[in-house]
Amino acid sequence: MGSLVRNALTQLKSKEFRDYLMSTHFWGPVANWGIPLAAIADTRKDPSFISGKMTFALTLYSMMFMRFAWRVQPRNLLLFACHFTNTCAQLTQGGRFVNYHYLQRGTATAESTEPVK
């Protein structure tokens, strides 16, 4: 266990790791994490505020950048994880949008037209 910790500390102190921390390969994905975090936070808000067009655009955007992060050399797994998370969050929001605007609407009008007993 001690050698594992020692090796990890040695790796963290290396010039390669410091160079990675000072690169766009690191800071680009870190800045991008705001998008999926906001989408995840929005899953608790009322679905009437969801923009279907924006949700669709952000889903496509993240799917394209997920592919880019996988194909670029060296692979940018931090960027891939960010856009994978955002794709999942946007698909969740898209499902909530469809449910609210297209599926529940028919149920709500059917319930409101039933006679009161």
PDB file of N, CA and C in Angstrom:
ATOM      1  N   MET A   1       0.834  -1.202   0.000  1.00  0.00           N
ATOM      2  CA  MET A   1       0.000   0.000   0.000  1.00  0.00           C
ATOM      3  C   MET A   1       0.868   1.251   0.000  1.00  0.00           C
ATOM      4  N   GLY A   2       1.945   1.232   0.768  1.00  0.00           N
ATOM      5  CA  GLY A   2       2.829   2.387   0.848  1.00  0.00           C
ATOM      6  C   GLY A   2       3.459   2.717  -0.489  1.00  0.00           C
ATOM      7  N   SER A   3       3.838   1.692  -1.244  1.00  0.00           N
ATOM      8  CA  SER A   3       4.459   1.941  -2.544  1.00  0.00           C
ATOM      9  C   SER A   3       3.438   2.491  -3.547  1.00  0.00           C
ATOM     10  N   LEU A   4       2.182   2.085  -3.409  1.00  0.00           N
ATOM     11  CA  LEU A   4       1.131   2.586  -4.288  1.00  0.00           C
ATOM     12  C   LEU A   4       0.934   4.087  -4.066  1.00  0.00           C
ATOM     13  N   VAL A   5       0.898   4.501  -2.815  1.00  0.00           N
ATOM     14  CA  VAL A   5       0.746   5.919  -2.482  1.00  0.00           C
ATOM     15  C   VAL A   5       1.980   6.687  -2.941  1.00  0.00           C
ATOM     16  N   ARG A   6       3.162   6.116  -2.721  1.00  0.00           N
ATOM     17  CA  ARG A   6       4.411   6.759  -3.121  1.00  0.00           C
ATOM     18  C   ARG A   6       4.459   6.939  -4.643  1.00  0.00           C
ATOM     19  N   ASN A   7       4.042   5.924  -5.383  1.00  0.00           N
ATOM     20  CA  ASN A   7       4.020   6.025  -6.848  1.00  0.00           C
ATOM     21  C   ASN A   7       3.023   7.075  -7.320  1.00  0.00           C
ATOM     22  N   ALA A   8       1.871   7.150  -6.658  1.00  0.00           N
ATOM     23  CA  ALA A   8       0.862   8.145  -7.016  1.00  0.00           C
ATOM     24  C   ALA A   8       1.388   9.560  -6.774  1.00  0.00           C
ATOM     25  N   LEU A   9       2.057   9.771  -5.647  1.00  0.00           N
ATOM     26  CA  LEU A   9       2.621  11.091  -5.341  1.00  0.00           C
ATOM     27  C   LEU A   9       3.720  11.458  -6.327  1.00  0.00           C
ATOM     28  N   THR A  10       4.530  10.481  -6.695  1.00  0.00           N
ATOM     29  CA  THR A  10       5.582  10.726  -7.680  1.00  0.00           C
ATOM     30  C   THR A  10       4.963  11.129  -9.014  1.00  0.00           C
ATOM     31  N   GLN A  11       3.910  10.446  -9.398  1.00  0.00           N
ATOM     32  CA  GLN A  11       3.224  10.773 -10.657  1.00  0.00           C
ATOM     33  C   GLN A  11       2.632  12.181 -10.609  1.00  0.00           C
ATOM     34  N   LEU A  12       2.026  12.553  -9.472  1.00  0.00           N
ATOM     35  CA  LEU A  12       1.432  13.885  -9.334  1.00  0.00           C
ATOM     36  C   LEU A  12       2.476  14.996  -9.399  1.00  0.00           C
ATOM     37  N   LYS A  13       3.692  14.687  -8.961  1.00  0.00           N
ATOM     38  CA  LYS A  13       4.768  15.676  -8.970  1.00  0.00           C
ATOM     39  C   LYS A  13       5.500  15.755 -10.306  1.00  0.00           C
ATOM     40  N   SER A  14       5.178  14.883 -11.236  1.00  0.00           N
ATOM     41  CA  SER A  14       5.913  14.805 -12.496  1.00  0.00           C
ATOM     42  C   SER A  14       5.638  16.017 -13.384  1.00  0.00           C
ATOM     43  N   LYS A  15       6.603  16.316 -14.252  1.00  0.00           N
ATOM     44  CA  LYS A  15       6.463  17.415 -15.205  1.00  0.00           C
ATOM     45  C   LYS A  15       5.307  17.151 -16.168  1.00  0.00           C
ATOM     46  N   GLU A  16       5.095  15.910 -16.577  1.00  0.00           N
ATOM     47  CA  GLU A  16       4.016  15.575 -17.493  1.00  0.00           C
ATOM     48  C   GLU A  16       2.663  15.912 -16.884  1.00  0.00           C
ATOM     49  N   PHE A  17       2.482  15.614 -15.592  1.00  0.00           N
ATOM     50  CA  PHE A  17       1.206  15.908 -14.937  1.00  0.00           C
ATOM     51  C   PHE A  17       1.004  17.413 -14.804  1.00  0.00           C
ATOM     52  N   ARG A  18       2.062  18.138 -14.458  1.00  0.00           N
ATOM     53  CA  ARG A  18       1.955  19.600 -14.368  1.00  0.00           C
ATOM     54  C   ARG A  18       1.632  20.193 -15.737  1.00  0.00           C
ATOM     55  N   ASP A  19       2.251  19.663 -16.791  1.00  0.00           N
ATOM     56  CA  ASP A  19       1.951  20.136 -18.141  1.00  0.00           C
ATOM     57  C   ASP A  19       0.492  19.858 -18.500  1.00  0.00           C
ATOM     58  N   TYR A  20      -0.012  18.688 -18.090  1.00  0.00           N
ATOM     59  CA  TYR A  20      -1.412  18.342 -18.349  1.00  0.00           C
ATOM     60  C   TYR A  20      -2.345  19.317 -17.644  1.00  0.00           C
ATOM     61  N   LEU A  21      -2.035  19.658 -16.398  1.00  0.00           N
ATOM     62  CA  LEU A  21      -2.877  20.601 -15.646  1.00  0.00           C
ATOM     63  C   LEU A  21      -2.880  22.002 -16.257  1.00  0.00           C
ATOM     64  N   MET A  22      -1.867  22.323 -17.024  1.00  0.00           N
ATOM     65  CA  MET A  22      -1.776  23.647 -17.643  1.00  0.00           C
ATOM     66  C   MET A  22      -2.203  23.632 -19.109  1.00  0.00           C
ATOM     67  N   SER A  23      -2.895  22.580 -19.541  1.00  0.00           N
ATOM     68  CA  SER A  23      -3.269  22.459 -20.948  1.00  0.00           C
ATOM     69  C   SER A  23      -4.770  22.644 -21.164  1.00  0.00           C
ATOM     70  N   THR A  24      -5.134  22.886 -22.426  1.00  0.00           N
ATOM     71  CA  THR A  24      -6.548  22.954 -22.770  1.00  0.00           C
ATOM     72  C   THR A  24      -7.179  21.568 -22.742  1.00  0.00           C
ATOM     73  N   HIS A  25      -6.343  20.532 -22.795  1.00  0.00           N
ATOM     74  CA  HIS A  25      -6.832  19.153 -22.693  1.00  0.00           C
ATOM     75  C   HIS A  25      -7.467  18.916 -21.318  1.00  0.00           C
ATOM     76  N   PHE A  26      -7.050  19.702 -20.327  1.00  0.00           N
ATOM     77  CA  PHE A  26      -7.608  19.613 -18.967  1.00  0.00           C
ATOM     78  C   PHE A  26      -8.652  20.709 -18.729  1.00  0.00           C
ATOM     79  N   TRP A  27      -8.302  21.970 -18.996  1.00  0.00           N
ATOM     80  CA  TRP A  27      -9.172  23.084 -18.631  1.00  0.00           C
ATOM     81  C   TRP A  27     -10.410  23.205 -19.512  1.00  0.00           C
ATOM     82  N   GLY A  28     -10.339  22.763 -20.759  1.00  0.00           N
ATOM     83  CA  GLY A  28     -11.524  22.756 -21.625  1.00  0.00           C
ATOM     84  C   GLY A  28     -12.649  21.923 -21.033  1.00  0.00           C
ATOM     85  N   PRO A  29     -12.372  20.651 -20.699  1.00  0.00           N
ATOM     86  CA  PRO A  29     -13.418  19.837 -20.078  1.00  0.00           C
ATOM     87  C   PRO A  29     -13.871  20.365 -18.719  1.00  0.00           C
ATOM     88  N   VAL A  30     -12.940  20.897 -17.931  1.00  0.00           N
ATOM     89  CA  VAL A  30     -13.327  21.431 -16.616  1.00  0.00           C
ATOM     90  C   VAL A  30     -14.338  22.561 -16.800  1.00  0.00           C
ATOM     91  N   ALA A  31     -14.082  23.447 -17.767  1.00  0.00           N
ATOM     92  CA  ALA A  31     -15.020  24.541 -18.029  1.00  0.00           C
ATOM     93  C   ALA A  31     -16.348  24.009 -18.564  1.00  0.00           C
ATOM     94  N   ASN A  32     -16.301  22.953 -19.355  1.00  0.00           N
ATOM     95  CA  ASN A  32     -17.512  22.377 -19.938  1.00  0.00           C
ATOM     96  C   ASN A  32     -18.416  21.703 -18.922  1.00  0.00           C
ATOM     97  N   TRP A  33     -17.893  21.329 -17.774  1.00  0.00           N
ATOM     98  CA  TRP A  33     -18.708  20.618 -16.783  1.00  0.00           C
ATOM     99  C   TRP A  33     -19.880  21.447 -16.280  1.00  0.00           C
ATOM    100  N   GLY A  34     -19.852  22.748 -16.493  1.00  0.00           N
ATOM    101  CA  GLY A  34     -20.982  23.579 -16.090  1.00  0.00           C
ATOM    102  C   GLY A  34     -22.265  23.209 -16.813  1.00  0.00           C
ATOM    103  N   ILE A  35     -22.157  22.770 -18.064  1.00  0.00           N
ATOM    104  CA  ILE A  35     -23.349  22.432 -18.855  1.00  0.00           C
ATOM    105  C   ILE A  35     -24.078  21.218 -18.279  1.00  0.00           C
ATOM    106  N   PRO A  36     -23.401  20.070 -18.090  1.00  0.00           N
ATOM    107  CA  PRO A  36     -24.141  18.930 -17.532  1.00  0.00           C
ATOM    108  C   PRO A  36     -24.587  19.156 -16.082  1.00  0.00           C
ATOM    109  N   LEU A  37     -23.804  19.889 -15.318  1.00  0.00           N
ATOM    110  CA  LEU A  37     -24.219  20.160 -13.933  1.00  0.00           C
ATOM    111  C   LEU A  37     -25.497  20.997 -13.906  1.00  0.00           C
ATOM    112  N   ALA A  38     -25.600  21.961 -14.809  1.00  0.00           N
ATOM    113  CA  ALA A  38     -26.829  22.770 -14.892  1.00  0.00           C
ATOM    114  C   ALA A  38     -28.008  21.912 -15.347  1.00  0.00           C
ATOM    115  N   ALA A  39     -27.761  21.020 -16.306  1.00  0.00           N
ATOM    116  CA  ALA A  39     -28.848  20.148 -16.790  1.00  0.00           C
ATOM    117  C   ALA A  39     -29.320  19.206 -15.691  1.00  0.00           C
ATOM    118  N   ILE A  40     -28.379  18.698 -14.920  1.00  0.00           N
ATOM    119  CA  ILE A  40     -28.753  17.810 -13.809  1.00  0.00           C
ATOM    120  C   ILE A  40     -29.557  18.585 -12.769  1.00  0.00           C
ATOM    121  N   ALA A  41     -29.123  19.809 -12.467  1.00  0.00           N
ATOM    122  CA  ALA A  41     -29.858  20.635 -11.497  1.00  0.00           C
ATOM    123  C   ALA A  41     -31.262  20.961 -12.022  1.00  0.00           C
ATOM    124  N   ASP A  42     -31.394  21.135 -13.326  1.00  0.00           N
ATOM    125  CA  ASP A  42     -32.691  21.471 -13.920  1.00  0.00           C
ATOM    126  C   ASP A  42     -33.687  20.319 -13.884  1.00  0.00           C
ATOM    127  N   THR A  43     -33.234  19.101 -13.637  1.00  0.00           N
ATOM    128  CA  THR A  43     -34.172  17.974 -13.591  1.00  0.00           C
ATOM    129  C   THR A  43     -35.132  18.090 -12.409  1.00  0.00           C
ATOM    130  N   ARG A  44     -34.849  18.962 -11.460  1.00  0.00           N
ATOM    131  CA  ARG A  44     -35.732  19.163 -10.307  1.00  0.00           C
ATOM    132  C   ARG A  44     -36.722  20.304 -10.534  1.00  0.00           C
ATOM    133  N   LYS A  45     -36.563  21.007 -11.636  1.00  0.00           N
ATOM    134  CA  LYS A  45     -37.439  22.150 -11.922  1.00  0.00           C
ATOM    135  C   LYS A  45     -38.654  21.695 -12.722  1.00  0.00           C
ATOM    136  N   ASP A  46     -39.649  22.547 -12.758  1.00  0.00           N
ATOM    137  CA  ASP A  46     -40.884  22.261 -13.478  1.00  0.00           C
ATOM    138  C   ASP A  46     -40.591  22.032 -14.961  1.00  0.00           C
ATOM    139  N   PRO A  47     -41.122  20.971 -15.551  1.00  0.00           N
ATOM    140  CA  PRO A  47     -40.830  20.667 -16.961  1.00  0.00           C
ATOM    141  C   PRO A  47     -41.427  21.662 -17.956  1.00  0.00           C
ATOM    142  N   SER A  48     -42.309  22.541 -17.513  1.00  0.00           N
ATOM    143  CA  SER A  48     -42.877  23.529 -18.432  1.00  0.00           C
ATOM    144  C   SER A  48     -41.825  24.524 -18.920  1.00  0.00           C
ATOM    145  N   PHE A  49     -40.698  24.620 -18.212  1.00  0.00           N
ATOM    146  CA  PHE A  49     -39.639  25.556 -18.581  1.00  0.00           C
ATOM    147  C   PHE A  49     -38.631  24.964 -19.551  1.00  0.00           C
ATOM    148  N   ILE A  50     -38.721  23.680 -19.862  1.00  0.00           N
ATOM    149  CA  ILE A  50     -37.742  23.029 -20.724  1.00  0.00           C
ATOM    150  C   ILE A  50     -37.957  23.463 -22.169  1.00  0.00           C
ATOM    151  N   SER A  51     -36.871  23.857 -22.826  1.00  0.00           N
ATOM    152  CA  SER A  51     -36.918  24.191 -24.245  1.00  0.00           C
ATOM    153  C   SER A  51     -36.568  22.925 -25.038  1.00  0.00           C
ATOM    154  N   GLY A  52     -37.510  22.457 -25.806  1.00  0.00           N
ATOM    155  CA  GLY A  52     -37.278  21.257 -26.605  1.00  0.00           C
ATOM    156  C   GLY A  52     -36.183  21.456 -27.641  1.00  0.00           C
ATOM    157  N   LYS A  53     -36.157  22.627 -28.285  1.00  0.00           N
ATOM    158  CA  LYS A  53     -35.144  22.910 -29.306  1.00  0.00           C
ATOM    159  C   LYS A  53     -33.748  22.967 -28.691  1.00  0.00           C
ATOM    160  N   MET A  54     -33.626  23.627 -27.554  1.00  0.00           N
ATOM    161  CA  MET A  54     -32.314  23.736 -26.911  1.00  0.00           C
ATOM    162  C   MET A  54     -31.852  22.375 -26.386  1.00  0.00           C
ATOM    163  N   THR A  55     -32.764  21.607 -25.826  1.00  0.00           N
ATOM    164  CA  THR A  55     -32.424  20.277 -25.332  1.00  0.00           C
ATOM    165  C   THR A  55     -31.930  19.401 -26.479  1.00  0.00           C
ATOM    166  N   PHE A  56     -32.621  19.453 -27.623  1.00  0.00           N
ATOM    167  CA  PHE A  56     -32.209  18.687 -28.791  1.00  0.00           C
ATOM    168  C   PHE A  56     -30.829  19.142 -29.274  1.00  0.00           C
ATOM    169  N   ALA A  57     -30.612  20.462 -29.340  1.00  0.00           N
ATOM    170  CA  ALA A  57     -29.327  21.002 -29.798  1.00  0.00           C
ATOM    171  C   ALA A  57     -28.193  20.583 -28.863  1.00  0.00           C
ATOM    172  N   LEU A  58     -28.422  20.663 -27.554  1.00  0.00           N
ATOM    173  CA  LEU A  58     -27.380  20.280 -26.593  1.00  0.00           C
ATOM    174  C   LEU A  58     -27.106  18.779 -26.625  1.00  0.00           C
ATOM    175  N   THR A  59     -28.115  17.986 -26.912  1.00  0.00           N
ATOM    176  CA  THR A  59     -27.898  16.543 -27.045  1.00  0.00           C
ATOM    177  C   THR A  59     -27.004  16.257 -28.241  1.00  0.00           C
ATOM    178  N   LEU A  60     -27.317  16.854 -29.386  1.00  0.00           N
ATOM    179  CA  LEU A  60     -26.480  16.653 -30.577  1.00  0.00           C
ATOM    180  C   LEU A  60     -25.061  17.182 -30.362  1.00  0.00           C
ATOM    181  N   TYR A  61     -24.957  18.350 -29.755  1.00  0.00           N
ATOM    182  CA  TYR A  61     -23.651  18.948 -29.454  1.00  0.00           C
ATOM    183  C   TYR A  61     -22.797  18.002 -28.620  1.00  0.00           C
ATOM    184  N   SER A  62     -23.373  17.463 -27.570  1.00  0.00           N
ATOM    185  CA  SER A  62     -22.605  16.585 -26.691  1.00  0.00           C
ATOM    186  C   SER A  62     -22.266  15.259 -27.365  1.00  0.00           C
ATOM    187  N   MET A  63     -23.168  14.757 -28.199  1.00  0.00           N
ATOM    188  CA  MET A  63     -22.867  13.512 -28.907  1.00  0.00           C
ATOM    189  C   MET A  63     -21.703  13.710 -29.887  1.00  0.00           C
ATOM    190  N   MET A  64     -21.669  14.851 -30.572  1.00  0.00           N
ATOM    191  CA  MET A  64     -20.558  15.124 -31.497  1.00  0.00           C
ATOM    192  C   MET A  64     -19.237  15.283 -30.748  1.00  0.00           C
ATOM    193  N   PHE A  65     -19.269  16.011 -29.624  1.00  0.00           N
ATOM    194  CA  PHE A  65     -18.037  16.210 -28.883  1.00  0.00           C
ATOM    195  C   PHE A  65     -17.601  14.962 -28.126  1.00  0.00           C
ATOM    196  N   MET A  66     -18.541  14.074 -27.816  1.00  0.00           N
ATOM    197  CA  MET A  66     -18.177  12.792 -27.224  1.00  0.00           C
ATOM    198  C   MET A  66     -17.336  12.012 -28.245  1.00  0.00           C
ATOM    199  N   ARG A  67     -17.782  12.007 -29.488  1.00  0.00           N
ATOM    200  CA  ARG A  67     -17.033  11.332 -30.545  1.00  0.00           C
ATOM    201  C   ARG A  67     -15.667  11.985 -30.726  1.00  0.00           C
ATOM    202  N   PHE A  68     -15.628  13.327 -30.751  1.00  0.00           N
ATOM    203  CA  PHE A  68     -14.363  14.041 -30.891  1.00  0.00           C
ATOM    204  C   PHE A  68     -13.390  13.669 -29.778  1.00  0.00           C
ATOM    205  N   ALA A  69     -13.892  13.661 -28.539  1.00  0.00           N
ATOM    206  CA  ALA A  69     -13.029  13.361 -27.386  1.00  0.00           C
ATOM    207  C   ALA A  69     -12.462  11.949 -27.471  1.00  0.00           C
ATOM    208  N   TRP A  70     -13.216  11.055 -28.085  1.00  0.00           N
ATOM    209  CA  TRP A  70     -12.746   9.673 -28.229  1.00  0.00           C
ATOM    210  C   TRP A  70     -11.734   9.550 -29.352  1.00  0.00           C
ATOM    211  N   ARG A  71     -11.933  10.319 -30.430  1.00  0.00           N
ATOM    212  CA  ARG A  71     -11.089  10.196 -31.616  1.00  0.00           C
ATOM    213  C   ARG A  71      -9.793  10.991 -31.534  1.00  0.00           C
ATOM    214  N   VAL A  72      -9.763  12.092 -30.794  1.00  0.00           N
ATOM    215  CA  VAL A  72      -8.568  12.925 -30.705  1.00  0.00           C
ATOM    216  C   VAL A  72      -7.452  12.129 -30.037  1.00  0.00           C
ATOM    217  N   GLN A  73      -6.224  12.389 -30.451  1.00  0.00           N
ATOM    218  CA  GLN A  73      -5.079  11.699 -29.846  1.00  0.00           C
ATOM    219  C   GLN A  73      -4.228  12.708 -29.103  1.00  0.00           C
ATOM    220  N   PRO A  74      -3.861  12.487 -27.872  1.00  0.00           N
ATOM    221  CA  PRO A  74      -4.337  11.381 -27.036  1.00  0.00           C
ATOM    222  C   PRO A  74      -5.805  11.580 -26.667  1.00  0.00           C
ATOM    223  N   ARG A  75      -6.479  10.476 -26.408  1.00  0.00           N
ATOM    224  CA  ARG A  75      -7.909  10.541 -26.059  1.00  0.00           C
ATOM    225  C   ARG A  75      -8.129  11.434 -24.848  1.00  0.00           C
ATOM    226  N   ASN A  76      -9.160  12.232 -24.920  1.00  0.00           N
ATOM    227  CA  ASN A  76      -9.491  13.129 -23.812  1.00  0.00           C
ATOM    228  C   ASN A  76     -10.677  12.525 -23.056  1.00  0.00           C
ATOM    229  N   LEU A  77     -10.365  11.667 -22.096  1.00  0.00           N
ATOM    230  CA  LEU A  77     -11.409  10.961 -21.362  1.00  0.00           C
ATOM    231  C   LEU A  77     -12.191  11.880 -20.428  1.00  0.00           C
ATOM    232  N   LEU A  78     -11.554  12.947 -19.965  1.00  0.00           N
ATOM    233  CA  LEU A  78     -12.263  13.914 -19.126  1.00  0.00           C
ATOM    234  C   LEU A  78     -13.338  14.626 -19.952  1.00  0.00           C
ATOM    235  N   LEU A  79     -13.009  15.005 -21.186  1.00  0.00           N
ATOM    236  CA  LEU A  79     -13.996  15.626 -22.072  1.00  0.00           C
ATOM    237  C   LEU A  79     -15.074  14.618 -22.455  1.00  0.00           C
ATOM    238  N   PHE A  80     -14.683  13.378 -22.688  1.00  0.00           N
ATOM    239  CA  PHE A  80     -15.647  12.333 -23.020  1.00  0.00           C
ATOM    240  C   PHE A  80     -16.641  12.147 -21.874  1.00  0.00           C
ATOM    241  N   ALA A  81     -16.135  12.073 -20.649  1.00  0.00           N
ATOM    242  CA  ALA A  81     -17.014  11.883 -19.484  1.00  0.00           C
ATOM    243  C   ALA A  81     -17.972  13.058 -19.326  1.00  0.00           C
ATOM    244  N   CYS A  82     -17.477  14.259 -19.564  1.00  0.00           N
ATOM    245  CA  CYS A  82     -18.320  15.459 -19.465  1.00  0.00           C
ATOM    246  C   CYS A  82     -19.471  15.383 -20.466  1.00  0.00           C
ATOM    247  N   HIS A  83     -19.162  15.059 -21.706  1.00  0.00           N
ATOM    248  CA  HIS A  83     -20.207  15.046 -22.730  1.00  0.00           C
ATOM    249  C   HIS A  83     -21.091  13.803 -22.639  1.00  0.00           C
ATOM    250  N   PHE A  84     -20.566  12.717 -22.129  1.00  0.00           N
ATOM    251  CA  PHE A  84     -21.410  11.547 -21.874  1.00  0.00           C
ATOM    252  C   PHE A  84     -22.449  11.897 -20.808  1.00  0.00           C
ATOM    253  N   THR A  85     -21.989  12.546 -19.734  1.00  0.00           N
ATOM    254  CA  THR A  85     -22.893  12.970 -18.662  1.00  0.00           C
ATOM    255  C   THR A  85     -23.933  13.950 -19.192  1.00  0.00           C
ATOM    256  N   ASN A  86     -23.487  14.900 -20.020  1.00  0.00           N
ATOM    257  CA  ASN A  86     -24.431  15.879 -20.559  1.00  0.00           C
ATOM    258  C   ASN A  86     -25.435  15.221 -21.507  1.00  0.00           C
ATOM    259  N   THR A  87     -24.995  14.264 -22.318  1.00  0.00           N
ATOM    260  CA  THR A  87     -25.927  13.567 -23.204  1.00  0.00           C
ATOM    261  C   THR A  87     -27.009  12.872 -22.387  1.00  0.00           C
ATOM    262  N   CYS A  88     -26.602  12.189 -21.321  1.00  0.00           N
ATOM    263  CA  CYS A  88     -27.583  11.512 -20.453  1.00  0.00           C
ATOM    264  C   CYS A  88     -28.530  12.517 -19.809  1.00  0.00           C
ATOM    265  N   ALA A  89     -27.989  13.636 -19.319  1.00  0.00           N
ATOM    266  CA  ALA A  89     -28.828  14.659 -18.676  1.00  0.00           C
ATOM    267  C   ALA A  89     -29.786  15.283 -19.681  1.00  0.00           C
ATOM    268  N   GLN A  90     -29.319  15.557 -20.888  1.00  0.00           N
ATOM    269  CA  GLN A  90     -30.187  16.165 -21.898  1.00  0.00           C
ATOM    270  C   GLN A  90     -31.260  15.185 -22.373  1.00  0.00           C
ATOM    271  N   LEU A  91     -30.909  13.908 -22.482  1.00  0.00           N
ATOM    272  CA  LEU A  91     -31.918  12.911 -22.854  1.00  0.00           C
ATOM    273  C   LEU A  91     -32.983  12.791 -21.761  1.00  0.00           C
ATOM    274  N   THR A  92     -32.560  12.922 -20.511  1.00  0.00           N
ATOM    275  CA  THR A  92     -33.519  12.924 -19.402  1.00  0.00           C
ATOM    276  C   THR A  92     -34.457  14.127 -19.527  1.00  0.00           C
ATOM    277  N   GLN A  93     -33.867  15.290 -19.790  1.00  0.00           N
ATOM    278  CA  GLN A  93     -34.689  16.493 -19.963  1.00  0.00           C
ATOM    279  C   GLN A  93     -35.604  16.358 -21.183  1.00  0.00           C
ATOM    280  N   GLY A  94     -35.092  15.766 -22.252  1.00  0.00           N
ATOM    281  CA  GLY A  94     -35.915  15.558 -23.440  1.00  0.00           C
ATOM    282  C   GLY A  94     -37.099  14.651 -23.147  1.00  0.00           C
ATOM    283  N   GLY A  95     -36.866  13.607 -22.360  1.00  0.00           N
ATOM    284  CA  GLY A  95     -37.964  12.722 -21.960  1.00  0.00           C
ATOM    285  C   GLY A  95     -38.992  13.452 -21.120  1.00  0.00           C
ATOM    286  N   ARG A  96     -38.526  14.302 -20.222  1.00  0.00           N
ATOM    287  CA  ARG A  96     -39.449  15.090 -19.403  1.00  0.00           C
ATOM    288  C   ARG A  96     -40.248  16.059 -20.275  1.00  0.00           C
ATOM    289  N   PHE A  97     -39.592  16.653 -21.283  1.00  0.00           N
ATOM    290  CA  PHE A  97     -40.261  17.579 -22.200  1.00  0.00           C
ATOM    291  C   PHE A  97     -41.373  16.863 -22.966  1.00  0.00           C
ATOM    292  N   VAL A  98     -41.044  15.710 -23.547  1.00  0.00           N
ATOM    293  CA  VAL A  98     -42.035  14.943 -24.314  1.00  0.00           C
ATOM    294  C   VAL A  98     -43.181  14.504 -23.407  1.00  0.00           C
ATOM    295  N   ASN A  99     -42.844  14.027 -22.225  1.00  0.00           N
ATOM    296  CA  ASN A  99     -43.871  13.586 -21.281  1.00  0.00           C
ATOM    297  C   ASN A  99     -44.816  14.732 -20.919  1.00  0.00           C
ATOM    298  N   TYR A 100     -44.262  15.894 -20.627  1.00  0.00           N
ATOM    299  CA  TYR A 100     -45.082  17.036 -20.204  1.00  0.00           C
ATOM    300  C   TYR A 100     -45.927  17.590 -21.353  1.00  0.00           C
ATOM    301  N   HIS A 101     -45.307  17.789 -22.513  1.00  0.00           N
ATOM    302  CA  HIS A 101     -45.999  18.473 -23.609  1.00  0.00           C
ATOM    303  C   HIS A 101     -46.850  17.560 -24.487  1.00  0.00           C
ATOM    304  N   TYR A 102     -46.538  16.277 -24.535  1.00  0.00           N
ATOM    305  CA  TYR A 102     -47.248  15.410 -25.480  1.00  0.00           C
ATOM    306  C   TYR A 102     -47.983  14.236 -24.831  1.00  0.00           C
ATOM    307  N   LEU A 103     -47.445  13.684 -23.750  1.00  0.00           N
ATOM    308  CA  LEU A 103     -48.082  12.512 -23.147  1.00  0.00           C
ATOM    309  C   LEU A 103     -49.052  12.879 -22.038  1.00  0.00           C
ATOM    310  N   GLN A 104     -48.665  13.758 -21.132  1.00  0.00           N
ATOM    311  CA  GLN A 104     -49.537  14.144 -20.022  1.00  0.00           C
ATOM    312  C   GLN A 104     -50.665  15.047 -20.462  1.00  0.00           C
ATOM    313  N   ARG A 105     -50.466  15.790 -21.508  1.00  0.00           N
ATOM    314  CA  ARG A 105     -51.497  16.736 -21.969  1.00  0.00           C
ATOM    315  C   ARG A 105     -52.790  16.006 -22.303  1.00  0.00           C
ATOM    316  N   GLY A 106     -52.685  14.873 -22.989  1.00  0.00           N
ATOM    317  CA  GLY A 106     -53.872  14.084 -23.309  1.00  0.00           C
ATOM    318  C   GLY A 106     -54.521  13.515 -22.062  1.00  0.00           C
ATOM    319  N   THR A 107     -53.708  13.113 -21.091  1.00  0.00           N
ATOM    320  CA  THR A 107     -54.241  12.572 -19.844  1.00  0.00           C
ATOM    321  C   THR A 107     -54.934  13.660 -19.035  1.00  0.00           C
ATOM    322  N   ALA A 108     -54.338  14.837 -18.988  1.00  0.00           N
ATOM    323  CA  ALA A 108     -54.919  15.936 -18.201  1.00  0.00           C
ATOM    324  C   ALA A 108     -56.253  16.387 -18.778  1.00  0.00           C
ATOM    325  N   THR A 109     -56.381  16.454 -20.095  1.00  0.00           N
ATOM    326  CA  THR A 109     -57.662  16.887 -20.663  1.00  0.00           C
ATOM    327  C   THR A 109     -58.722  15.829 -20.515  1.00  0.00           C
ATOM    328  N   ALA A 110     -58.354  14.544 -20.572  1.00  0.00           N
ATOM    329  CA  ALA A 110     -59.328  13.464 -20.386  1.00  0.00           C
ATOM    330  C   ALA A 110     -59.857  13.474 -18.973  1.00  0.00           C
ATOM    331  N   GLU A 111     -58.994  13.743 -18.010  1.00  0.00           N
ATOM    332  CA  GLU A 111     -59.422  13.767 -16.605  1.00  0.00           C
ATOM    333  C   GLU A 111     -60.310  14.977 -16.335  1.00  0.00           C
ATOM    334  N   SER A 112     -60.019  16.102 -16.968  1.00  0.00           N
ATOM    335  CA  SER A 112     -60.805  17.309 -16.699  1.00  0.00           C
ATOM    336  C   SER A 112     -62.184  17.264 -17.340  1.00  0.00           C
ATOM    337  N   THR A 113     -62.377  16.411 -18.359  1.00  0.00           N
ATOM    338  CA  THR A 113     -63.692  16.342 -19.007  1.00  0.00           C
ATOM    339  C   THR A 113     -64.609  15.294 -18.389  1.00  0.00           C
ATOM    340  N   GLU A 114     -64.079  14.521 -17.434  1.00  0.00           N
ATOM    341  CA  GLU A 114     -64.936  13.535 -16.766  1.00  0.00           C
ATOM    342  C   GLU A 114     -65.955  14.242 -15.896  1.00  0.00           C
ATOM    343  N   PRO A 115     -67.172  13.737 -15.819  1.00  0.00           N
ATOM    344  CA  PRO A 115     -68.183  14.388 -14.969  1.00  0.00           C
ATOM    345  C   PRO A 115     -67.816  14.255 -13.490  1.00  0.00           C
ATOM    346  N   VAL A 116     -68.116  15.294 -12.739  1.00  0.00           N
ATOM    347  CA  VAL A 116     -67.847  15.300 -11.308  1.00  0.00           C
ATOM    348  C   VAL A 116     -68.939  14.525 -10.594  1.00  0.00           C
ATOM    349  N   LYS A 117     -68.570  13.662  -9.680  1.00  0.00           N
ATOM    350  CA  LYS A 117     -69.543  12.857  -8.950  1.00  0.00           C
ATOM    351  C   LYS A 117     -69.902  13.454  -7.624  1.00  0.00           C
TER     352      LYS A 117
END
